[in-house]
Amino acid sequence: MQIHNLKRQHKNKKDRLVGRGGKHAKTSGRGGKGQTARAGNKRRPELRDIIKKLPKNRGYQFKSIRKLIVLPEEKLISKKEKFSEIRKRLSIKGRHIVIK
């Protein structure tokens, strides 16, 4: 056997460049030059600064509780009728009932 008769079992494969990001070694998927191409590029979005300046509305208020249902006295069966009974009869869930 001579050298020119030898064949590889596996094809030639180049070693990958480690830690270069992207698929290429030159710009590594970072585009061209400039601020965005550099390491540690963390530019603050302008919208975040606008949001930070707005006041925070604290707490959580249930919208269903704030809605009041005004019932006229004619709809009541008796004056001693409980609110739970009125809710069942009129199928009202989770709202304040005001009788006028």
C-alpha atoms as a PDB file:
ATOM      1  CA  MET A   1       0.000   0.000   0.000  1.00  0.00           C
ATOM      2  CA  GLN A   2       1.286   3.428  -0.911  1.00  0.00           C
ATOM      3  CA  ILE A   3       0.370   6.922   0.355  1.00  0.00           C
ATOM      4  CA  HIS A   4      -1.646   7.854  -2.752  1.00  0.00           C
ATOM      5  CA  ASN A   5      -3.892   4.819  -2.190  1.00  0.00           C
ATOM      6  CA  LEU A   6      -4.898   5.826   1.349  1.00  0.00           C
ATOM      7  CA  LYS A   7      -8.415   7.195   1.882  1.00  0.00           C
ATOM      8  CA  ARG A   8     -10.005   8.842   4.898  1.00  0.00           C
ATOM      9  CA  GLN A   9     -12.939   7.166   6.631  1.00  0.00           C
ATOM     10  CA  HIS A  10     -14.538  10.551   7.422  1.00  0.00           C
ATOM     11  CA  LYS A  11     -14.649  13.656   5.231  1.00  0.00           C
ATOM     12  CA  ASN A  12     -12.588  16.747   5.994  1.00  0.00           C
ATOM     13  CA  LYS A  13     -14.389  18.980   8.450  1.00  0.00           C
ATOM     14  CA  LYS A  14     -13.091  22.313   9.751  1.00  0.00           C
ATOM     15  CA  ASP A  15     -13.183  23.002  13.467  1.00  0.00           C
ATOM     16  CA  ARG A  16     -15.813  25.510  14.509  1.00  0.00           C
ATOM     17  CA  LEU A  17     -14.691  28.865  15.877  1.00  0.00           C
ATOM     18  CA  VAL A  18     -15.797  28.907  19.486  1.00  0.00           C
ATOM     19  CA  GLY A  19     -17.618  31.857  21.083  1.00  0.00           C
ATOM     20  CA  ARG A  20     -18.015  33.936  17.936  1.00  0.00           C
ATOM     21  CA  GLY A  21     -21.827  33.899  17.797  1.00  0.00           C
ATOM     22  CA  GLY A  22     -23.819  33.828  14.556  1.00  0.00           C
ATOM     23  CA  LYS A  23     -22.787  31.615  11.647  1.00  0.00           C
ATOM     24  CA  HIS A  24     -19.769  33.587  10.451  1.00  0.00           C
ATOM     25  CA  ALA A  25     -16.510  34.473  12.089  1.00  0.00           C
ATOM     26  CA  LYS A  26     -16.074  37.986  10.667  1.00  0.00           C
ATOM     27  CA  THR A  27     -18.976  40.027  12.063  1.00  0.00           C
ATOM     28  CA  SER A  28     -20.631  37.086  13.821  1.00  0.00           C
ATOM     29  CA  GLY A  29     -24.159  38.143  12.980  1.00  0.00           C
ATOM     30  CA  ARG A  30     -23.704  41.596  14.516  1.00  0.00           C
ATOM     31  CA  GLY A  31     -23.934  43.559  11.270  1.00  0.00           C
ATOM     32  CA  GLY A  32     -21.382  46.261  10.565  1.00  0.00           C
ATOM     33  CA  LYS A  33     -19.410  48.634  12.778  1.00  0.00           C
ATOM     34  CA  GLY A  34     -20.669  50.954  15.466  1.00  0.00           C
ATOM     35  CA  GLN A  35     -22.196  50.959  18.914  1.00  0.00           C
ATOM     36  CA  THR A  36     -24.500  48.008  18.305  1.00  0.00           C
ATOM     37  CA  ALA A  37     -21.649  45.813  17.048  1.00  0.00           C
ATOM     38  CA  ARG A  38     -19.654  46.154  20.273  1.00  0.00           C
ATOM     39  CA  ALA A  39     -19.768  43.868  23.274  1.00  0.00           C
ATOM     40  CA  GLY A  40     -21.895  45.083  26.159  1.00  0.00           C
ATOM     41  CA  ASN A  41     -24.295  46.965  23.897  1.00  0.00           C
ATOM     42  CA  LYS A  42     -27.196  47.851  26.188  1.00  0.00           C
ATOM     43  CA  ARG A  43     -28.931  50.957  24.971  1.00  0.00           C
ATOM     44  CA  ARG A  44     -31.940  51.969  27.049  1.00  0.00           C
ATOM     45  CA  PRO A  45     -35.199  52.200  25.066  1.00  0.00           C
ATOM     46  CA  GLU A  46     -36.795  55.663  25.068  1.00  0.00           C
ATOM     47  CA  LEU A  47     -40.254  54.232  25.733  1.00  0.00           C
ATOM     48  CA  ARG A  48     -39.077  52.799  29.061  1.00  0.00           C
ATOM     49  CA  ASP A  49     -38.086  56.269  30.301  1.00  0.00           C
ATOM     50  CA  ILE A  50     -41.532  57.607  29.382  1.00  0.00           C
ATOM     51  CA  ILE A  51     -43.260  54.730  31.194  1.00  0.00           C
ATOM     52  CA  LYS A  52     -41.097  55.216  34.311  1.00  0.00           C
ATOM     53  CA  LYS A  53     -42.191  58.869  34.594  1.00  0.00           C
ATOM     54  CA  LEU A  54     -45.902  57.975  34.697  1.00  0.00           C
ATOM     55  CA  PRO A  55     -47.451  57.630  38.179  1.00  0.00           C
ATOM     56  CA  LYS A  56     -48.301  54.162  39.447  1.00  0.00           C
ATOM     57  CA  ASN A  57     -51.897  53.350  40.257  1.00  0.00           C
ATOM     58  CA  ARG A  58     -51.562  51.299  43.393  1.00  0.00           C
ATOM     59  CA  GLY A  59     -53.867  48.516  44.535  1.00  0.00           C
ATOM     60  CA  TYR A  60     -56.391  46.455  42.672  1.00  0.00           C
ATOM     61  CA  GLN A  61     -60.059  47.286  42.497  1.00  0.00           C
ATOM     62  CA  PHE A  62     -62.643  44.757  41.418  1.00  0.00           C
ATOM     63  CA  LYS A  63     -64.693  46.315  38.655  1.00  0.00           C
ATOM     64  CA  SER A  64     -67.660  44.052  39.354  1.00  0.00           C
ATOM     65  CA  ILE A  65     -67.936  45.299  42.958  1.00  0.00           C
ATOM     66  CA  ARG A  66     -67.935  48.978  42.000  1.00  0.00           C
ATOM     67  CA  LYS A  67     -71.074  48.609  39.859  1.00  0.00           C
ATOM     68  CA  LEU A  68     -74.178  49.259  41.897  1.00  0.00           C
ATOM     69  CA  ILE A  69     -77.620  47.929  41.137  1.00  0.00           C
ATOM     70  CA  VAL A  70     -80.415  50.281  42.173  1.00  0.00           C
ATOM     71  CA  LEU A  71     -83.624  48.411  42.956  1.00  0.00           C
ATOM     72  CA  PRO A  72     -86.883  50.235  43.431  1.00  0.00           C
ATOM     73  CA  GLU A  73     -88.951  49.185  46.452  1.00  0.00           C
ATOM     74  CA  GLU A  74     -91.733  47.908  44.194  1.00  0.00           C
ATOM     75  CA  LYS A  75     -89.552  44.962  43.095  1.00  0.00           C
ATOM     76  CA  LEU A  76     -89.190  43.702  46.678  1.00  0.00           C
ATOM     77  CA  ILE A  77     -91.556  41.002  47.895  1.00  0.00           C
ATOM     78  CA  SER A  78     -91.283  42.108  51.518  1.00  0.00           C
ATOM     79  CA  LYS A  79     -89.201  44.656  53.414  1.00  0.00           C
ATOM     80  CA  LYS A  80     -87.510  41.884  55.433  1.00  0.00           C
ATOM     81  CA  GLU A  81     -86.220  40.072  52.329  1.00  0.00           C
ATOM     82  CA  LYS A  82     -82.472  39.354  52.547  1.00  0.00           C
ATOM     83  CA  PHE A  83     -79.970  40.472  49.906  1.00  0.00           C
ATOM     84  CA  SER A  84     -78.996  36.850  49.232  1.00  0.00           C
ATOM     85  CA  GLU A  85     -82.629  36.022  48.448  1.00  0.00           C
ATOM     86  CA  ILE A  86     -82.899  39.049  46.130  1.00  0.00           C
ATOM     87  CA  ARG A  87     -79.721  37.946  44.317  1.00  0.00           C
ATOM     88  CA  LYS A  88     -81.061  34.429  43.807  1.00  0.00           C
ATOM     89  CA  ARG A  89     -84.449  35.678  42.606  1.00  0.00           C
ATOM     90  CA  LEU A  90     -83.019  38.250  40.141  1.00  0.00           C
ATOM     91  CA  SER A  91     -79.875  36.156  39.309  1.00  0.00           C
ATOM     92  CA  ILE A  92     -77.394  38.917  40.257  1.00  0.00           C
ATOM     93  CA  LYS A  93     -73.822  37.867  41.053  1.00  0.00           C
ATOM     94  CA  GLY A  94     -71.221  39.813  43.020  1.00  0.00           C
ATOM     95  CA  ARG A  95     -72.688  43.329  42.907  1.00  0.00           C
ATOM     96  CA  HIS A  96     -73.834  45.772  45.537  1.00  0.00           C
ATOM     97  CA  ILE A  97     -77.572  46.246  45.719  1.00  0.00           C
ATOM     98  CA  VAL A  98     -79.009  49.591  46.726  1.00  0.00           C
ATOM     99  CA  ILE A  99     -82.729  49.815  47.491  1.00  0.00           C
ATOM    100  CA  LYS A 100     -84.397  53.157  46.772  1.00  0.00           C
END
